[in-house]
Amino acid sequence: MEATQVRTSKNFKRLQARLRGQAGKAIADYKMIEEGDRVMVCLSGGKDSYTMLDLLLSLQRKAPVSFDLLAVNLDQKQPGFPQHILPEYLEALNVPYRIVEQDTYSTVTSIIPAGKTMCGLCSRLRRGVLYRVAQEEGINKIALGHHRDDIVETLFLNMFYGGKLKAMPPKLLSNDERNIVIRPLAYCSEAEIQKYAKVRQFPIIPCNLCGSQENLQRVQIKQMLQNWERETPGRINSLFRSLQNVNPSHLADPELFDFASLKTVDAEVELI
């Protein structure tokens, strides 16, 4: 083996170990997966979900707890969607899977005018289908492929456009309290996931519905954060860590912290 190939192999092994370690730490920190869990791995065909499945399969073999994985893909009937890619990939890995066919594409395009952002409605419809399938399959954890950068981008989206200090939590109980959503890649950077997916040569399926909408607010936020990262490496990670180190008394939400009850304490004057 040539020296370049050896270096590439060593670099990949280090990258793989780092991502696996970050995913394992996130799972442990937030108690995402426990003994006997049945985990739905939501597989879109993008780099993030492929990487998530790959890391979870690796962790499953070595984890101190036993859990099952079920890969689930929602075929939204987008024109030109290559239906054969995911089944062939999953069968080659001998991974249990289910392909759910539901034409959310027609619903979204019939409601949202051309040129407008489709992600909001698309994600709500997709989430509803996945929650239903989770109940049908006896799933108690739903794993999504959002990574650290997605979480930070969502923080700024909510601040800039929603007036809320809110992001994506690594672990979430659904409103109906029937589903728990987990994000095992919460500590992983998009740049390293991109490198990993390239070396692993995952059969990537592009999203033709919303991925081509270049004027999305999220795209603008992503560009802003990437510019910041180039100017000050490590800034995105610092922003993420701030979400883990919150001081409610230094924000301004009276429902989160009882500002109204703040009072000074009279100092006792010692008489000499």
C-alpha atoms as a PDB file:
ATOM      1  CA  MET A   1       0.000   0.000   0.000  1.00  0.00           C
ATOM      2  CA  GLU A   2       1.351   3.434  -0.941  1.00  0.00           C
ATOM      3  CA  ALA A   3       2.224   6.000   1.744  1.00  0.00           C
ATOM      4  CA  THR A   4      -0.657   8.262   0.664  1.00  0.00           C
ATOM      5  CA  GLN A   5      -3.163   5.424   1.025  1.00  0.00           C
ATOM      6  CA  VAL A   6      -1.776   4.570   4.462  1.00  0.00           C
ATOM      7  CA  ARG A   7      -2.134   8.191   5.595  1.00  0.00           C
ATOM      8  CA  THR A   8      -5.660   8.349   4.173  1.00  0.00           C
ATOM      9  CA  SER A   9      -6.595   5.129   5.953  1.00  0.00           C
ATOM     10  CA  LYS A  10      -5.180   6.378   9.272  1.00  0.00           C
ATOM     11  CA  ASN A  11      -6.904   9.748   8.903  1.00  0.00           C
ATOM     12  CA  PHE A  12     -10.211   8.041   8.178  1.00  0.00           C
ATOM     13  CA  LYS A  13      -9.880   5.747  11.182  1.00  0.00           C
ATOM     14  CA  ARG A  14      -9.211   8.755  13.398  1.00  0.00           C
ATOM     15  CA  LEU A  15     -12.211  10.566  11.921  1.00  0.00           C
ATOM     16  CA  GLN A  16     -14.411   7.502  12.353  1.00  0.00           C
ATOM     17  CA  ALA A  17     -13.294   7.070  15.964  1.00  0.00           C
ATOM     18  CA  ARG A  18     -13.910  10.752  16.684  1.00  0.00           C
ATOM     19  CA  LEU A  19     -17.435  10.743  15.227  1.00  0.00           C
ATOM     20  CA  ARG A  20     -18.264   7.459  16.933  1.00  0.00           C
ATOM     21  CA  GLY A  21     -16.982   8.853  20.221  1.00  0.00           C
ATOM     22  CA  GLN A  22     -18.989  12.059  19.830  1.00  0.00           C
ATOM     23  CA  ALA A  23     -22.158  10.128  19.015  1.00  0.00           C
ATOM     24  CA  GLY A  24     -21.573   7.772  21.928  1.00  0.00           C
ATOM     25  CA  LYS A  25     -21.018  10.681  24.311  1.00  0.00           C
ATOM     26  CA  ALA A  26     -24.181  12.464  23.154  1.00  0.00           C
ATOM     27  CA  ILE A  27     -26.169   9.242  23.603  1.00  0.00           C
ATOM     28  CA  ALA A  28     -24.741   8.795  27.108  1.00  0.00           C
ATOM     29  CA  ASP A  29     -25.068  12.457  28.164  1.00  0.00           C
ATOM     30  CA  TYR A  30     -28.761  12.604  27.277  1.00  0.00           C
ATOM     31  CA  LYS A  31     -29.583   8.942  27.906  1.00  0.00           C
ATOM     32  CA  MET A  32     -30.833   8.665  24.337  1.00  0.00           C
ATOM     33  CA  ILE A  33     -30.707   4.862  24.086  1.00  0.00           C
ATOM     34  CA  GLU A  34     -31.334   2.369  26.892  1.00  0.00           C
ATOM     35  CA  GLU A  35     -31.571  -1.385  27.318  1.00  0.00           C
ATOM     36  CA  GLY A  36     -34.270  -2.935  25.137  1.00  0.00           C
ATOM     37  CA  ASP A  37     -34.975   0.198  23.092  1.00  0.00           C
ATOM     38  CA  ARG A  38     -36.335  -0.155  19.593  1.00  0.00           C
ATOM     39  CA  VAL A  39     -34.875   2.728  17.603  1.00  0.00           C
ATOM     40  CA  MET A  40     -36.239   4.023  14.306  1.00  0.00           C
ATOM     41  CA  VAL A  41     -33.372   5.419  12.223  1.00  0.00           C
ATOM     42  CA  CYS A  42     -34.923   7.949   9.850  1.00  0.00           C
ATOM     43  CA  LEU A  43     -33.011   7.575   6.606  1.00  0.00           C
ATOM     44  CA  SER A  44     -33.478  10.316   4.007  1.00  0.00           C
ATOM     45  CA  GLY A  45     -30.643   9.322   1.701  1.00  0.00           C
ATOM     46  CA  GLY A  46     -28.546  12.345   2.673  1.00  0.00           C
ATOM     47  CA  LYS A  47     -25.045  12.346   4.156  1.00  0.00           C
ATOM     48  CA  ASP A  48     -26.251  12.983   7.709  1.00  0.00           C
ATOM     49  CA  SER A  49     -28.706  10.104   7.973  1.00  0.00           C
ATOM     50  CA  TYR A  50     -26.309   7.658   6.298  1.00  0.00           C
ATOM     51  CA  THR A  51     -23.606   8.647   8.778  1.00  0.00           C
ATOM     52  CA  MET A  52     -26.030   8.332  11.688  1.00  0.00           C
ATOM     53  CA  LEU A  53     -27.025   4.805  10.646  1.00  0.00           C
ATOM     54  CA  ASP A  54     -23.400   3.828  10.107  1.00  0.00           C
ATOM     55  CA  LEU A  55     -22.362   5.056  13.566  1.00  0.00           C
ATOM     56  CA  LEU A  56     -25.373   3.512  15.306  1.00  0.00           C
ATOM     57  CA  LEU A  57     -24.642   0.130  13.704  1.00  0.00           C
ATOM     58  CA  SER A  58     -21.067   0.377  14.956  1.00  0.00           C
ATOM     59  CA  LEU A  59     -22.177   1.412  18.445  1.00  0.00           C
ATOM     60  CA  GLN A  60     -24.814  -1.321  18.508  1.00  0.00           C
ATOM     61  CA  ARG A  61     -22.088  -3.962  18.197  1.00  0.00           C
ATOM     62  CA  LYS A  62     -20.082  -2.581  21.127  1.00  0.00           C
ATOM     63  CA  ALA A  63     -22.635  -0.858  23.371  1.00  0.00           C
ATOM     64  CA  PRO A  64     -23.107  -2.073  26.964  1.00  0.00           C
ATOM     65  CA  VAL A  65     -26.870  -2.157  26.334  1.00  0.00           C
ATOM     66  CA  SER A  66     -28.857  -4.152  23.806  1.00  0.00           C
ATOM     67  CA  PHE A  67     -31.122  -2.273  21.369  1.00  0.00           C
ATOM     68  CA  ASP A  68     -32.739  -2.838  17.983  1.00  0.00           C
ATOM     69  CA  LEU A  69     -32.536  -0.625  14.900  1.00  0.00           C
ATOM     70  CA  LEU A  70     -35.134  -0.208  12.167  1.00  0.00           C
ATOM     71  CA  ALA A  71     -34.202   1.988   9.199  1.00  0.00           C
ATOM     72  CA  VAL A  72     -37.213   3.873   7.851  1.00  0.00           C
ATOM     73  CA  ASN A  73     -37.391   5.947   4.693  1.00  0.00           C
ATOM     74  CA  LEU A  74     -40.356   8.085   3.719  1.00  0.00           C
ATOM     75  CA  ASP A  75     -40.812   8.035  -0.049  1.00  0.00           C
ATOM     76  CA  GLN A  76     -42.554  11.379  -0.567  1.00  0.00           C
ATOM     77  CA  LYS A  77     -43.103  10.721  -4.275  1.00  0.00           C
ATOM     78  CA  GLN A  78     -40.815  13.450  -5.493  1.00  0.00           C
ATOM     79  CA  PRO A  79     -40.394  13.251  -9.277  1.00  0.00           C
ATOM     80  CA  GLY A  80     -37.308  11.282 -10.227  1.00  0.00           C
ATOM     81  CA  PHE A  81     -36.762   9.814  -6.746  1.00  0.00           C
ATOM     82  CA  PRO A  82     -34.546   6.707  -7.207  1.00  0.00           C
ATOM     83  CA  GLN A  83     -36.620   4.151  -5.295  1.00  0.00           C
ATOM     84  CA  HIS A  84     -34.114   1.309  -5.663  1.00  0.00           C
ATOM     85  CA  ILE A  85     -31.106   2.925  -3.934  1.00  0.00           C
ATOM     86  CA  LEU A  86     -32.047   2.650  -0.265  1.00  0.00           C
ATOM     87  CA  PRO A  87     -33.527  -0.883  -0.376  1.00  0.00           C
ATOM     88  CA  GLU A  88     -30.426  -2.158  -2.192  1.00  0.00           C
ATOM     89  CA  TYR A  89     -28.098  -0.407   0.256  1.00  0.00           C
ATOM     90  CA  LEU A  90     -29.937  -1.652   3.357  1.00  0.00           C
ATOM     91  CA  GLU A  91     -30.295  -5.192   2.073  1.00  0.00           C
ATOM     92  CA  ALA A  92     -26.562  -5.325   1.389  1.00  0.00           C
ATOM     93  CA  LEU A  93     -25.971  -4.337   5.027  1.00  0.00           C
ATOM     94  CA  ASN A  94     -28.622  -6.790   6.255  1.00  0.00           C
ATOM     95  CA  VAL A  95     -30.321  -3.941   8.131  1.00  0.00           C
ATOM     96  CA  PRO A  96     -34.056  -4.276   8.910  1.00  0.00           C
ATOM     97  CA  TYR A  97     -35.923  -1.522   7.095  1.00  0.00           C
ATOM     98  CA  ARG A  98     -39.273  -0.185   5.993  1.00  0.00           C
ATOM     99  CA  ILE A  99     -40.045   2.086   3.053  1.00  0.00           C
ATOM    100  CA  VAL A 100     -43.151   4.191   3.678  1.00  0.00           C
ATOM    101  CA  GLU A 101     -44.822   5.590   0.567  1.00  0.00           C
ATOM    102  CA  GLN A 102     -46.862   8.755   1.055  1.00  0.00           C
ATOM    103  CA  ASP A 103     -47.324  11.517  -1.505  1.00  0.00           C
ATOM    104  CA  THR A 104     -46.525  14.533   0.644  1.00  0.00           C
ATOM    105  CA  TYR A 105     -44.843  16.098  -2.397  1.00  0.00           C
ATOM    106  CA  SER A 106     -48.162  16.786  -4.131  1.00  0.00           C
ATOM    107  CA  THR A 107     -49.651  18.147  -0.919  1.00  0.00           C
ATOM    108  CA  VAL A 108     -46.775  20.574  -0.349  1.00  0.00           C
ATOM    109  CA  THR A 109     -46.574  21.809  -3.938  1.00  0.00           C
ATOM    110  CA  SER A 110     -50.352  22.302  -4.119  1.00  0.00           C
ATOM    111  CA  ILE A 111     -50.395  24.474  -0.981  1.00  0.00           C
ATOM    112  CA  ILE A 112     -47.100  26.397  -1.125  1.00  0.00           C
ATOM    113  CA  PRO A 113     -46.743  28.854  -4.042  1.00  0.00           C
ATOM    114  CA  ALA A 114     -43.772  28.373  -6.345  1.00  0.00           C
ATOM    115  CA  GLY A 115     -40.657  30.054  -4.975  1.00  0.00           C
ATOM    116  CA  LYS A 116     -41.860  30.068  -1.365  1.00  0.00           C
ATOM    117  CA  THR A 117     -40.213  28.046   1.400  1.00  0.00           C
ATOM    118  CA  MET A 118     -41.581  24.506   1.520  1.00  0.00           C
ATOM    119  CA  CYS A 119     -39.542  23.142   4.442  1.00  0.00           C
ATOM    120  CA  GLY A 120     -41.982  24.029   7.236  1.00  0.00           C
ATOM    121  CA  LEU A 121     -44.993  22.222   5.818  1.00  0.00           C
ATOM    122  CA  CYS A 122     -42.888  19.384   4.435  1.00  0.00           C
ATOM    123  CA  SER A 123     -41.275  18.701   7.821  1.00  0.00           C
ATOM    124  CA  ARG A 124     -44.626  18.783   9.648  1.00  0.00           C
ATOM    125  CA  LEU A 125     -46.168  16.273   7.246  1.00  0.00           C
ATOM    126  CA  ARG A 126     -43.102  14.079   7.397  1.00  0.00           C
ATOM    127  CA  ARG A 127     -43.029  14.176  11.203  1.00  0.00           C
ATOM    128  CA  GLY A 128     -46.687  13.128  11.381  1.00  0.00           C
ATOM    129  CA  VAL A 129     -46.057  10.114   9.154  1.00  0.00           C
ATOM    130  CA  LEU A 130     -42.971   9.060  11.114  1.00  0.00           C
ATOM    131  CA  TYR A 131     -44.818   9.316  14.436  1.00  0.00           C
ATOM    132  CA  ARG A 132     -47.575   7.096  13.049  1.00  0.00           C
ATOM    133  CA  VAL A 133     -45.100   4.527  11.750  1.00  0.00           C
ATOM    134  CA  ALA A 134     -43.302   4.519  15.105  1.00  0.00           C
ATOM    135  CA  GLN A 135     -46.522   3.450  16.817  1.00  0.00           C
ATOM    136  CA  GLU A 136     -47.182   0.783  14.187  1.00  0.00           C
ATOM    137  CA  GLU A 137     -43.689  -0.689  14.575  1.00  0.00           C
ATOM    138  CA  GLY A 138     -43.487  -0.572  18.369  1.00  0.00           C
ATOM    139  CA  ILE A 139     -40.746   2.047  18.240  1.00  0.00           C
ATOM    140  CA  ASN A 140     -39.912   3.985  21.400  1.00  0.00           C
ATOM    141  CA  LYS A 141     -37.054   6.183  20.091  1.00  0.00           C
ATOM    142  CA  ILE A 142     -36.980   8.072  16.770  1.00  0.00           C
ATOM    143  CA  ALA A 143     -33.437   8.980  15.657  1.00  0.00           C
ATOM    144  CA  LEU A 144     -32.991  12.002  13.379  1.00  0.00           C
ATOM    145  CA  GLY A 145     -29.756  12.974  11.627  1.00  0.00           C
ATOM    146  CA  HIS A 146     -29.491  16.596  12.763  1.00  0.00           C
ATOM    147  CA  HIS A 147     -25.934  17.533  13.719  1.00  0.00           C
ATOM    148  CA  ARG A 148     -24.299  20.267  15.793  1.00  0.00           C
ATOM    149  CA  ASP A 149     -24.394  22.838  12.970  1.00  0.00           C
ATOM    150  CA  ASP A 150     -28.121  22.220  12.371  1.00  0.00           C
ATOM    151  CA  ILE A 151     -28.780  22.899  16.044  1.00  0.00           C
ATOM    152  CA  VAL A 152     -26.846  26.186  16.028  1.00  0.00           C
ATOM    153  CA  GLU A 153     -28.484  27.259  12.749  1.00  0.00           C
ATOM    154  CA  THR A 154     -31.910  26.632  14.290  1.00  0.00           C
ATOM    155  CA  LEU A 155     -30.955  28.780  17.277  1.00  0.00           C
ATOM    156  CA  PHE A 156     -30.258  31.752  14.990  1.00  0.00           C
ATOM    157  CA  LEU A 157     -33.284  31.089  12.795  1.00  0.00           C
ATOM    158  CA  ASN A 158     -35.527  31.294  15.844  1.00  0.00           C
ATOM    159  CA  MET A 159     -33.791  34.416  17.154  1.00  0.00           C
ATOM    160  CA  PHE A 160     -33.692  36.298  13.838  1.00  0.00           C
ATOM    161  CA  TYR A 161     -37.074  35.316  12.428  1.00  0.00           C
ATOM    162  CA  GLY A 162     -39.134  34.013  15.360  1.00  0.00           C
ATOM    163  CA  GLY A 163     -38.115  36.165  18.301  1.00  0.00           C
ATOM    164  CA  LYS A 164     -37.379  33.055  20.388  1.00  0.00           C
ATOM    165  CA  LEU A 165     -34.297  31.748  22.149  1.00  0.00           C
ATOM    166  CA  LYS A 166     -34.839  28.171  21.036  1.00  0.00           C
ATOM    167  CA  ALA A 167     -32.928  25.475  19.157  1.00  0.00           C
ATOM    168  CA  MET A 168     -33.183  21.729  18.482  1.00  0.00           C
ATOM    169  CA  PRO A 169     -32.777  19.674  21.672  1.00  0.00           C
ATOM    170  CA  PRO A 170     -30.661  16.502  21.504  1.00  0.00           C
ATOM    171  CA  LYS A 171     -33.641  14.655  23.028  1.00  0.00           C
ATOM    172  CA  LEU A 172     -37.301  15.643  22.764  1.00  0.00           C
ATOM    173  CA  LEU A 173     -40.623  14.328  24.024  1.00  0.00           C
ATOM    174  CA  SER A 174     -43.332  14.889  21.414  1.00  0.00           C
ATOM    175  CA  ASN A 175     -46.362  17.032  22.279  1.00  0.00           C
ATOM    176  CA  ASP A 176     -48.594  13.962  22.584  1.00  0.00           C
ATOM    177  CA  GLU A 177     -45.954  12.358  24.848  1.00  0.00           C
ATOM    178  CA  ARG A 178     -46.055   9.172  22.770  1.00  0.00           C
ATOM    179  CA  ASN A 179     -42.719   9.579  20.983  1.00  0.00           C
ATOM    180  CA  ILE A 180     -39.163  10.450  22.001  1.00  0.00           C
ATOM    181  CA  VAL A 181     -36.978  12.019  19.313  1.00  0.00           C
ATOM    182  CA  ILE A 182     -33.198  11.685  19.643  1.00  0.00           C
ATOM    183  CA  ARG A 183     -30.352  13.323  17.717  1.00  0.00           C
ATOM    184  CA  PRO A 184     -27.235  11.134  18.113  1.00  0.00           C
ATOM    185  CA  LEU A 185     -25.150  13.461  15.893  1.00  0.00           C
ATOM    186  CA  ALA A 186     -25.745  16.462  18.196  1.00  0.00           C
ATOM    187  CA  TYR A 187     -22.006  16.740  18.981  1.00  0.00           C
ATOM    188  CA  CYS A 188     -20.797  16.090  15.405  1.00  0.00           C
ATOM    189  CA  SER A 189     -19.835  18.864  12.989  1.00  0.00           C
ATOM    190  CA  GLU A 190     -21.210  19.000   9.469  1.00  0.00           C
ATOM    191  CA  ALA A 191     -17.708  19.354   7.990  1.00  0.00           C
ATOM    192  CA  GLU A 192     -16.540  16.074   9.515  1.00  0.00           C
ATOM    193  CA  ILE A 193     -19.766  14.296   8.546  1.00  0.00           C
ATOM    194  CA  GLN A 194     -19.201  15.504   4.979  1.00  0.00           C
ATOM    195  CA  LYS A 195     -15.663  14.080   4.982  1.00  0.00           C
ATOM    196  CA  TYR A 196     -16.852  10.797   6.455  1.00  0.00           C
ATOM    197  CA  ALA A 197     -19.660  10.395   3.923  1.00  0.00           C
ATOM    198  CA  LYS A 198     -17.283  11.105   1.048  1.00  0.00           C
ATOM    199  CA  VAL A 199     -14.799   8.429   2.112  1.00  0.00           C
ATOM    200  CA  ARG A 200     -17.566   5.912   2.856  1.00  0.00           C
ATOM    201  CA  GLN A 201     -19.064   6.660  -0.578  1.00  0.00           C
ATOM    202  CA  PHE A 202     -22.658   6.585   0.576  1.00  0.00           C
ATOM    203  CA  PRO A 203     -25.177   6.554  -2.317  1.00  0.00           C
ATOM    204  CA  ILE A 204     -26.439  10.094  -1.662  1.00  0.00           C
ATOM    205  CA  ILE A 205     -29.955  10.986  -2.824  1.00  0.00           C
ATOM    206  CA  PRO A 206     -30.421  14.767  -3.268  1.00  0.00           C
ATOM    207  CA  CYS A 207     -33.618  16.469  -2.090  1.00  0.00           C
ATOM    208  CA  ASN A 208     -35.159  17.992  -5.196  1.00  0.00           C
ATOM    209  CA  LEU A 209     -38.119  19.428  -3.320  1.00  0.00           C
ATOM    210  CA  CYS A 210     -36.482  21.912  -0.977  1.00  0.00           C
ATOM    211  CA  GLY A 211     -32.736  21.405  -1.292  1.00  0.00           C
ATOM    212  CA  SER A 212     -32.648  23.539  -4.426  1.00  0.00           C
ATOM    213  CA  GLN A 213     -34.291  26.542  -2.755  1.00  0.00           C
ATOM    214  CA  GLU A 214     -31.186  28.701  -2.459  1.00  0.00           C
ATOM    215  CA  ASN A 215     -32.937  31.655  -0.838  1.00  0.00           C
ATOM    216  CA  LEU A 216     -34.063  29.736   2.242  1.00  0.00           C
ATOM    217  CA  GLN A 217     -33.509  31.562   5.526  1.00  0.00           C
ATOM    218  CA  ARG A 218     -31.586  28.514   6.755  1.00  0.00           C
ATOM    219  CA  VAL A 219     -29.172  28.777   3.821  1.00  0.00           C
ATOM    220  CA  GLN A 220     -28.488  32.408   4.708  1.00  0.00           C
ATOM    221  CA  ILE A 221     -27.874  31.493   8.356  1.00  0.00           C
ATOM    222  CA  LYS A 222     -25.571  28.641   7.299  1.00  0.00           C
ATOM    223  CA  GLN A 223     -23.518  31.016   5.158  1.00  0.00           C
ATOM    224  CA  MET A 224     -23.272  33.510   8.026  1.00  0.00           C
ATOM    225  CA  LEU A 225     -22.037  30.836  10.441  1.00  0.00           C
ATOM    226  CA  GLN A 226     -19.557  29.449   7.923  1.00  0.00           C
ATOM    227  CA  ASN A 227     -18.127  32.944   7.423  1.00  0.00           C
ATOM    228  CA  TRP A 228     -17.783  33.322  11.194  1.00  0.00           C
ATOM    229  CA  GLU A 229     -16.099  29.922  11.418  1.00  0.00           C
ATOM    230  CA  ARG A 230     -13.566  30.884   8.748  1.00  0.00           C
ATOM    231  CA  GLU A 231     -12.782  34.129  10.569  1.00  0.00           C
ATOM    232  CA  THR A 232     -12.690  32.516  14.026  1.00  0.00           C
ATOM    233  CA  PRO A 233     -12.265  28.717  13.939  1.00  0.00           C
ATOM    234  CA  GLY A 234     -14.176  27.037  16.754  1.00  0.00           C
ATOM    235  CA  ARG A 235     -16.933  29.632  16.925  1.00  0.00           C
ATOM    236  CA  ILE A 236     -19.736  27.211  15.968  1.00  0.00           C
ATOM    237  CA  ASN A 237     -18.637  24.797  18.683  1.00  0.00           C
ATOM    238  CA  SER A 238     -18.531  27.661  21.187  1.00  0.00           C
ATOM    239  CA  LEU A 239     -22.064  28.662  20.200  1.00  0.00           C
ATOM    240  CA  PHE A 240     -23.243  25.091  20.678  1.00  0.00           C
ATOM    241  CA  ARG A 241     -21.605  24.859  24.097  1.00  0.00           C
ATOM    242  CA  SER A 242     -23.470  28.009  25.126  1.00  0.00           C
ATOM    243  CA  LEU A 243     -26.705  26.019  24.757  1.00  0.00           C
ATOM    244  CA  GLN A 244     -25.366  23.650  27.417  1.00  0.00           C
ATOM    245  CA  ASN A 245     -24.403  26.465  29.759  1.00  0.00           C
ATOM    246  CA  VAL A 246     -27.535  28.592  30.228  1.00  0.00           C
ATOM    247  CA  ASN A 247     -27.932  31.172  32.999  1.00  0.00           C
ATOM    248  CA  PRO A 248     -31.661  32.073  33.207  1.00  0.00           C
ATOM    249  CA  SER A 249     -31.071  34.978  35.613  1.00  0.00           C
ATOM    250  CA  HIS A 250     -28.983  36.709  32.938  1.00  0.00           C
ATOM    251  CA  LEU A 251     -31.612  36.507  30.225  1.00  0.00           C
ATOM    252  CA  ALA A 252     -34.938  38.371  30.222  1.00  0.00           C
ATOM    253  CA  ASP A 253     -37.761  35.820  30.396  1.00  0.00           C
ATOM    254  CA  PRO A 254     -39.907  36.493  33.510  1.00  0.00           C
ATOM    255  CA  GLU A 255     -41.505  33.046  33.173  1.00  0.00           C
ATOM    256  CA  LEU A 256     -38.115  31.361  33.201  1.00  0.00           C
ATOM    257  CA  PHE A 257     -36.725  33.363  36.118  1.00  0.00           C
ATOM    258  CA  ASP A 258     -38.609  35.169  38.884  1.00  0.00           C
ATOM    259  CA  PHE A 259     -37.229  38.691  38.423  1.00  0.00           C
ATOM    260  CA  ALA A 260     -40.216  40.222  40.238  1.00  0.00           C
ATOM    261  CA  SER A 261     -39.274  38.609  43.542  1.00  0.00           C
ATOM    262  CA  LEU A 262     -35.690  39.852  43.592  1.00  0.00           C
ATOM    263  CA  LYS A 263     -34.946  41.789  46.776  1.00  0.00           C
ATOM    264  CA  THR A 264     -31.872  43.074  48.475  1.00  0.00           C
ATOM    265  CA  VAL A 265     -30.795  41.767  51.862  1.00  0.00           C
ATOM    266  CA  ASP A 266     -30.326  44.378  54.564  1.00  0.00           C
ATOM    267  CA  ALA A 267     -26.884  44.072  56.064  1.00  0.00           C
ATOM    268  CA  GLU A 268     -26.769  43.943  59.817  1.00  0.00           C
ATOM    269  CA  VAL A 269     -24.732  46.816  61.214  1.00  0.00           C
ATOM    270  CA  GLU A 270     -22.449  45.640  63.976  1.00  0.00           C
ATOM    271  CA  LEU A 271     -22.389  48.135  66.840  1.00  0.00           C
ATOM    272  CA  ILE A 272     -18.993  48.797  68.315  1.00  0.00           C
END
